[in-house]
C-alpha atoms as a PDB file:
ATOM      1  CA  SER A   1     116.365  92.654 109.431  1.00  0.00           C
ATOM      2  CA  PHE A   2     113.473  95.084 109.674  1.00  0.00           C
ATOM      3  CA  GLN A   3     110.274  94.191 107.855  1.00  0.00           C
ATOM      4  CA  THR A   4     107.363  96.475 107.113  1.00  0.00           C
ATOM      5  CA  PRO A   5     103.979  95.788 108.704  1.00  0.00           C
ATOM      6  CA  SER A   6     102.654  94.795 105.256  1.00  0.00           C
ATOM      7  CA  GLU A   7     105.464  92.268 104.760  1.00  0.00           C
ATOM      8  CA  VAL A   8     104.909  90.750 108.193  1.00  0.00           C
ATOM      9  CA  ALA A   9     101.154  90.542 107.612  1.00  0.00           C
ATOM     10  CA  GLN A  10     101.646  88.791 104.270  1.00  0.00           C
ATOM     11  CA  GLN A  11     104.071  86.284 105.811  1.00  0.00           C
ATOM     12  CA  ALA A  12     101.642  85.636 108.667  1.00  0.00           C
ATOM     13  CA  VAL A  13      98.807  84.978 106.220  1.00  0.00           C
ATOM     14  CA  ASP A  14     101.000  82.794 104.000  1.00  0.00           C
ATOM     15  CA  ALA A  15     102.105  80.721 107.001  1.00  0.00           C
ATOM     16  CA  ASP A  16      98.552  80.628 108.450  1.00  0.00           C
ATOM     17  CA  VAL A  17      99.791  81.557 111.924  1.00  0.00           C
ATOM     18  CA  HIS A  18      97.640  82.167 114.985  1.00  0.00           C
ATOM     19  CA  VAL A  19      99.727  84.982 116.486  1.00  0.00           C
ATOM     20  CA  VAL A  20     102.238  87.614 115.394  1.00  0.00           C
ATOM     21  CA  GLY A  21     104.550  89.069 118.006  1.00  0.00           C
ATOM     22  CA  ALA A  22     105.870  92.585 117.532  1.00  0.00           C
ATOM     23  CA  SER A  23     108.877  93.681 119.550  1.00  0.00           C
ATOM     24  CA  SER A  24     109.413  97.384 120.044  1.00  0.00           C
ATOM     25  CA  LEU A  25     112.740  98.803 121.111  1.00  0.00           C
ATOM     26  CA  ALA A  26     112.589 102.168 119.349  1.00  0.00           C
ATOM     27  CA  ALA A  27     109.093 103.532 120.035  1.00  0.00           C
ATOM     28  CA  GLY A  28     107.731 102.292 116.707  1.00  0.00           C
ATOM     29  CA  HIS A  29     104.913 100.463 118.450  1.00  0.00           C
ATOM     30  CA  ARG A  30     102.516 103.433 118.240  1.00  0.00           C
ATOM     31  CA  THR A  31     102.588 103.415 114.422  1.00  0.00           C
ATOM     32  CA  LEU A  32     103.911 100.041 113.281  1.00  0.00           C
ATOM     33  CA  VAL A  33     101.668  97.812 115.396  1.00  0.00           C
ATOM     34  CA  PRO A  34      98.386  99.490 114.325  1.00  0.00           C
ATOM     35  CA  GLU A  35      99.648  99.319 110.715  1.00  0.00           C
ATOM     36  CA  LEU A  36     100.277  95.576 111.146  1.00  0.00           C
ATOM     37  CA  ILE A  37      96.772  95.039 112.539  1.00  0.00           C
ATOM     38  CA  GLN A  38      95.267  96.996 109.642  1.00  0.00           C
ATOM     39  CA  ALA A  39      97.358  95.058 107.106  1.00  0.00           C
ATOM     40  CA  LEU A  40      96.059  91.763 108.536  1.00  0.00           C
ATOM     41  CA  LYS A  41      92.487  93.072 108.241  1.00  0.00           C
ATOM     42  CA  ASP A  42      93.158  94.198 104.660  1.00  0.00           C
ATOM     43  CA  LEU A  43      94.335  90.667 103.844  1.00  0.00           C
ATOM     44  CA  GLY A  44      91.125  89.219 105.274  1.00  0.00           C
ATOM     45  CA  ARG A  45      92.733  87.821 108.424  1.00  0.00           C
ATOM     46  CA  PRO A  46      91.609  89.928 111.370  1.00  0.00           C
ATOM     47  CA  ASP A  47      91.591  86.679 113.366  1.00  0.00           C
ATOM     48  CA  ILE A  48      95.407  86.588 113.516  1.00  0.00           C
ATOM     49  CA  LEU A  49      96.253  87.887 116.965  1.00  0.00           C
ATOM     50  CA  VAL A  50      98.922  90.543 117.430  1.00  0.00           C
ATOM     51  CA  ILE A  51     100.866  90.749 120.664  1.00  0.00           C
ATOM     52  CA  ALA A  52     103.450  93.378 121.529  1.00  0.00           C
ATOM     53  CA  GLY A  53     106.492  93.308 123.731  1.00  0.00           C
ATOM     54  CA  GLY A  54     109.706  95.084 124.459  1.00  0.00           C
ATOM     55  CA  VAL A  55     110.406  98.489 125.892  1.00  0.00           C
ATOM     56  CA  ILE A  56     106.877  99.876 125.741  1.00  0.00           C
ATOM     57  CA  PRO A  57     105.953 102.581 128.244  1.00  0.00           C
ATOM     58  CA  PRO A  58     103.029 101.537 130.447  1.00  0.00           C
ATOM     59  CA  GLN A  59     101.106 104.646 129.353  1.00  0.00           C
ATOM     60  CA  ASP A  60     101.040 103.213 125.799  1.00  0.00           C
ATOM     61  CA  TYR A  61      99.387  99.917 126.795  1.00  0.00           C
ATOM     62  CA  ASP A  62      95.826 101.280 126.572  1.00  0.00           C
ATOM     63  CA  PHE A  63      96.542 102.808 123.157  1.00  0.00           C
ATOM     64  CA  LEU A  64      97.814  99.460 121.863  1.00  0.00           C
ATOM     65  CA  MET A  65      94.912  97.492 123.335  1.00  0.00           C
ATOM     66  CA  THR A  66      92.424  99.948 121.818  1.00  0.00           C
ATOM     67  CA  SER A  67      94.244  99.548 118.497  1.00  0.00           C
ATOM     68  CA  GLY A  68      93.558  95.811 118.610  1.00  0.00           C
ATOM     69  CA  VAL A  69      96.614  94.311 120.286  1.00  0.00           C
ATOM     70  CA  ALA A  70      95.663  91.124 122.125  1.00  0.00           C
ATOM     71  CA  ALA A  71      98.334  91.490 124.838  1.00  0.00           C
ATOM     72  CA  VAL A  72     101.314  93.622 125.798  1.00  0.00           C
ATOM     73  CA  PHE A  73     104.345  92.129 127.521  1.00  0.00           C
ATOM     74  CA  GLY A  74     106.749  94.656 128.997  1.00  0.00           C
ATOM     75  CA  PRO A  75     110.206  94.350 130.507  1.00  0.00           C
ATOM     76  CA  GLY A  76     110.401  91.813 133.297  1.00  0.00           C
ATOM     77  CA  THR A  77     107.639  89.619 131.893  1.00  0.00           C
ATOM     78  CA  ARG A  78     108.272  86.012 132.865  1.00  0.00           C
ATOM     79  CA  ILE A  79     108.384  83.914 129.703  1.00  0.00           C
ATOM     80  CA  PRO A  80     106.399  80.937 131.080  1.00  0.00           C
ATOM     81  CA  VAL A  81     103.623  83.307 132.195  1.00  0.00           C
ATOM     82  CA  ALA A  82     103.589  85.055 128.802  1.00  0.00           C
ATOM     83  CA  ALA A  83     103.531  81.691 127.021  1.00  0.00           C
ATOM     84  CA  CYS A  84     100.498  80.559 129.031  1.00  0.00           C
ATOM     85  CA  ASP A  85      98.779  83.898 128.385  1.00  0.00           C
ATOM     86  CA  VAL A  86      99.354  83.563 124.630  1.00  0.00           C
ATOM     87  CA  LEU A  87      98.060  79.975 124.621  1.00  0.00           C
ATOM     88  CA  ASP A  88      94.937  81.169 126.454  1.00  0.00           C
ATOM     89  CA  LEU A  89      94.436  83.923 123.855  1.00  0.00           C
ATOM     90  CA  ILE A  90      94.770  81.392 121.026  1.00  0.00           C
ATOM     91  CA  THR A  91      92.285  79.040 122.698  1.00  0.00           C
ATOM     92  CA  VAL A  92      89.698  81.820 123.066  1.00  0.00           C
ATOM     93  CA  SER A  93      90.282  82.993 119.490  1.00  0.00           C
ATOM     94  CA  LEU A  94      89.843  79.483 118.073  1.00  0.00           C
ATOM     95  CA  ALA A  95      86.669  78.948 120.124  1.00  0.00           C
ATOM     96  CA  ARG A  96      85.210  82.225 118.805  1.00  0.00           C
ATOM     97  CA  ARG A  97      86.095  81.285 115.238  1.00  0.00           C
ATOM     98  CA  ALA A  98      84.506  77.838 115.649  1.00  0.00           C
ATOM     99  CA  ALA A  99      81.346  79.364 117.139  1.00  0.00           C
ATOM    100  CA  ALA A 100      81.084  81.799 114.220  1.00  0.00           C
ATOM    101  CA  ASN A 101      81.222  78.989 111.651  1.00  0.00           C
END
């Protein structure tokens, strides 16, 4: 079932996750993903990474990255490659958080 960006952000904070993945099949990525990122910031967890995937036009990648998305995975992305990329993002994020503390 569909969840609002605020609901997803709250669940991510409650579960203390490292990453939230947003899948876009209906062009909602230009509004819903930035709303999710803002909701995480509003909850005091800007450190939770947001990645996006699905049918996202390549011309929207820069918009999403500028909005704070950590990575975009489009159609044809090989899952093992994406998994390694996400693990690398988590490793960098945790190192930054440790250095800041």
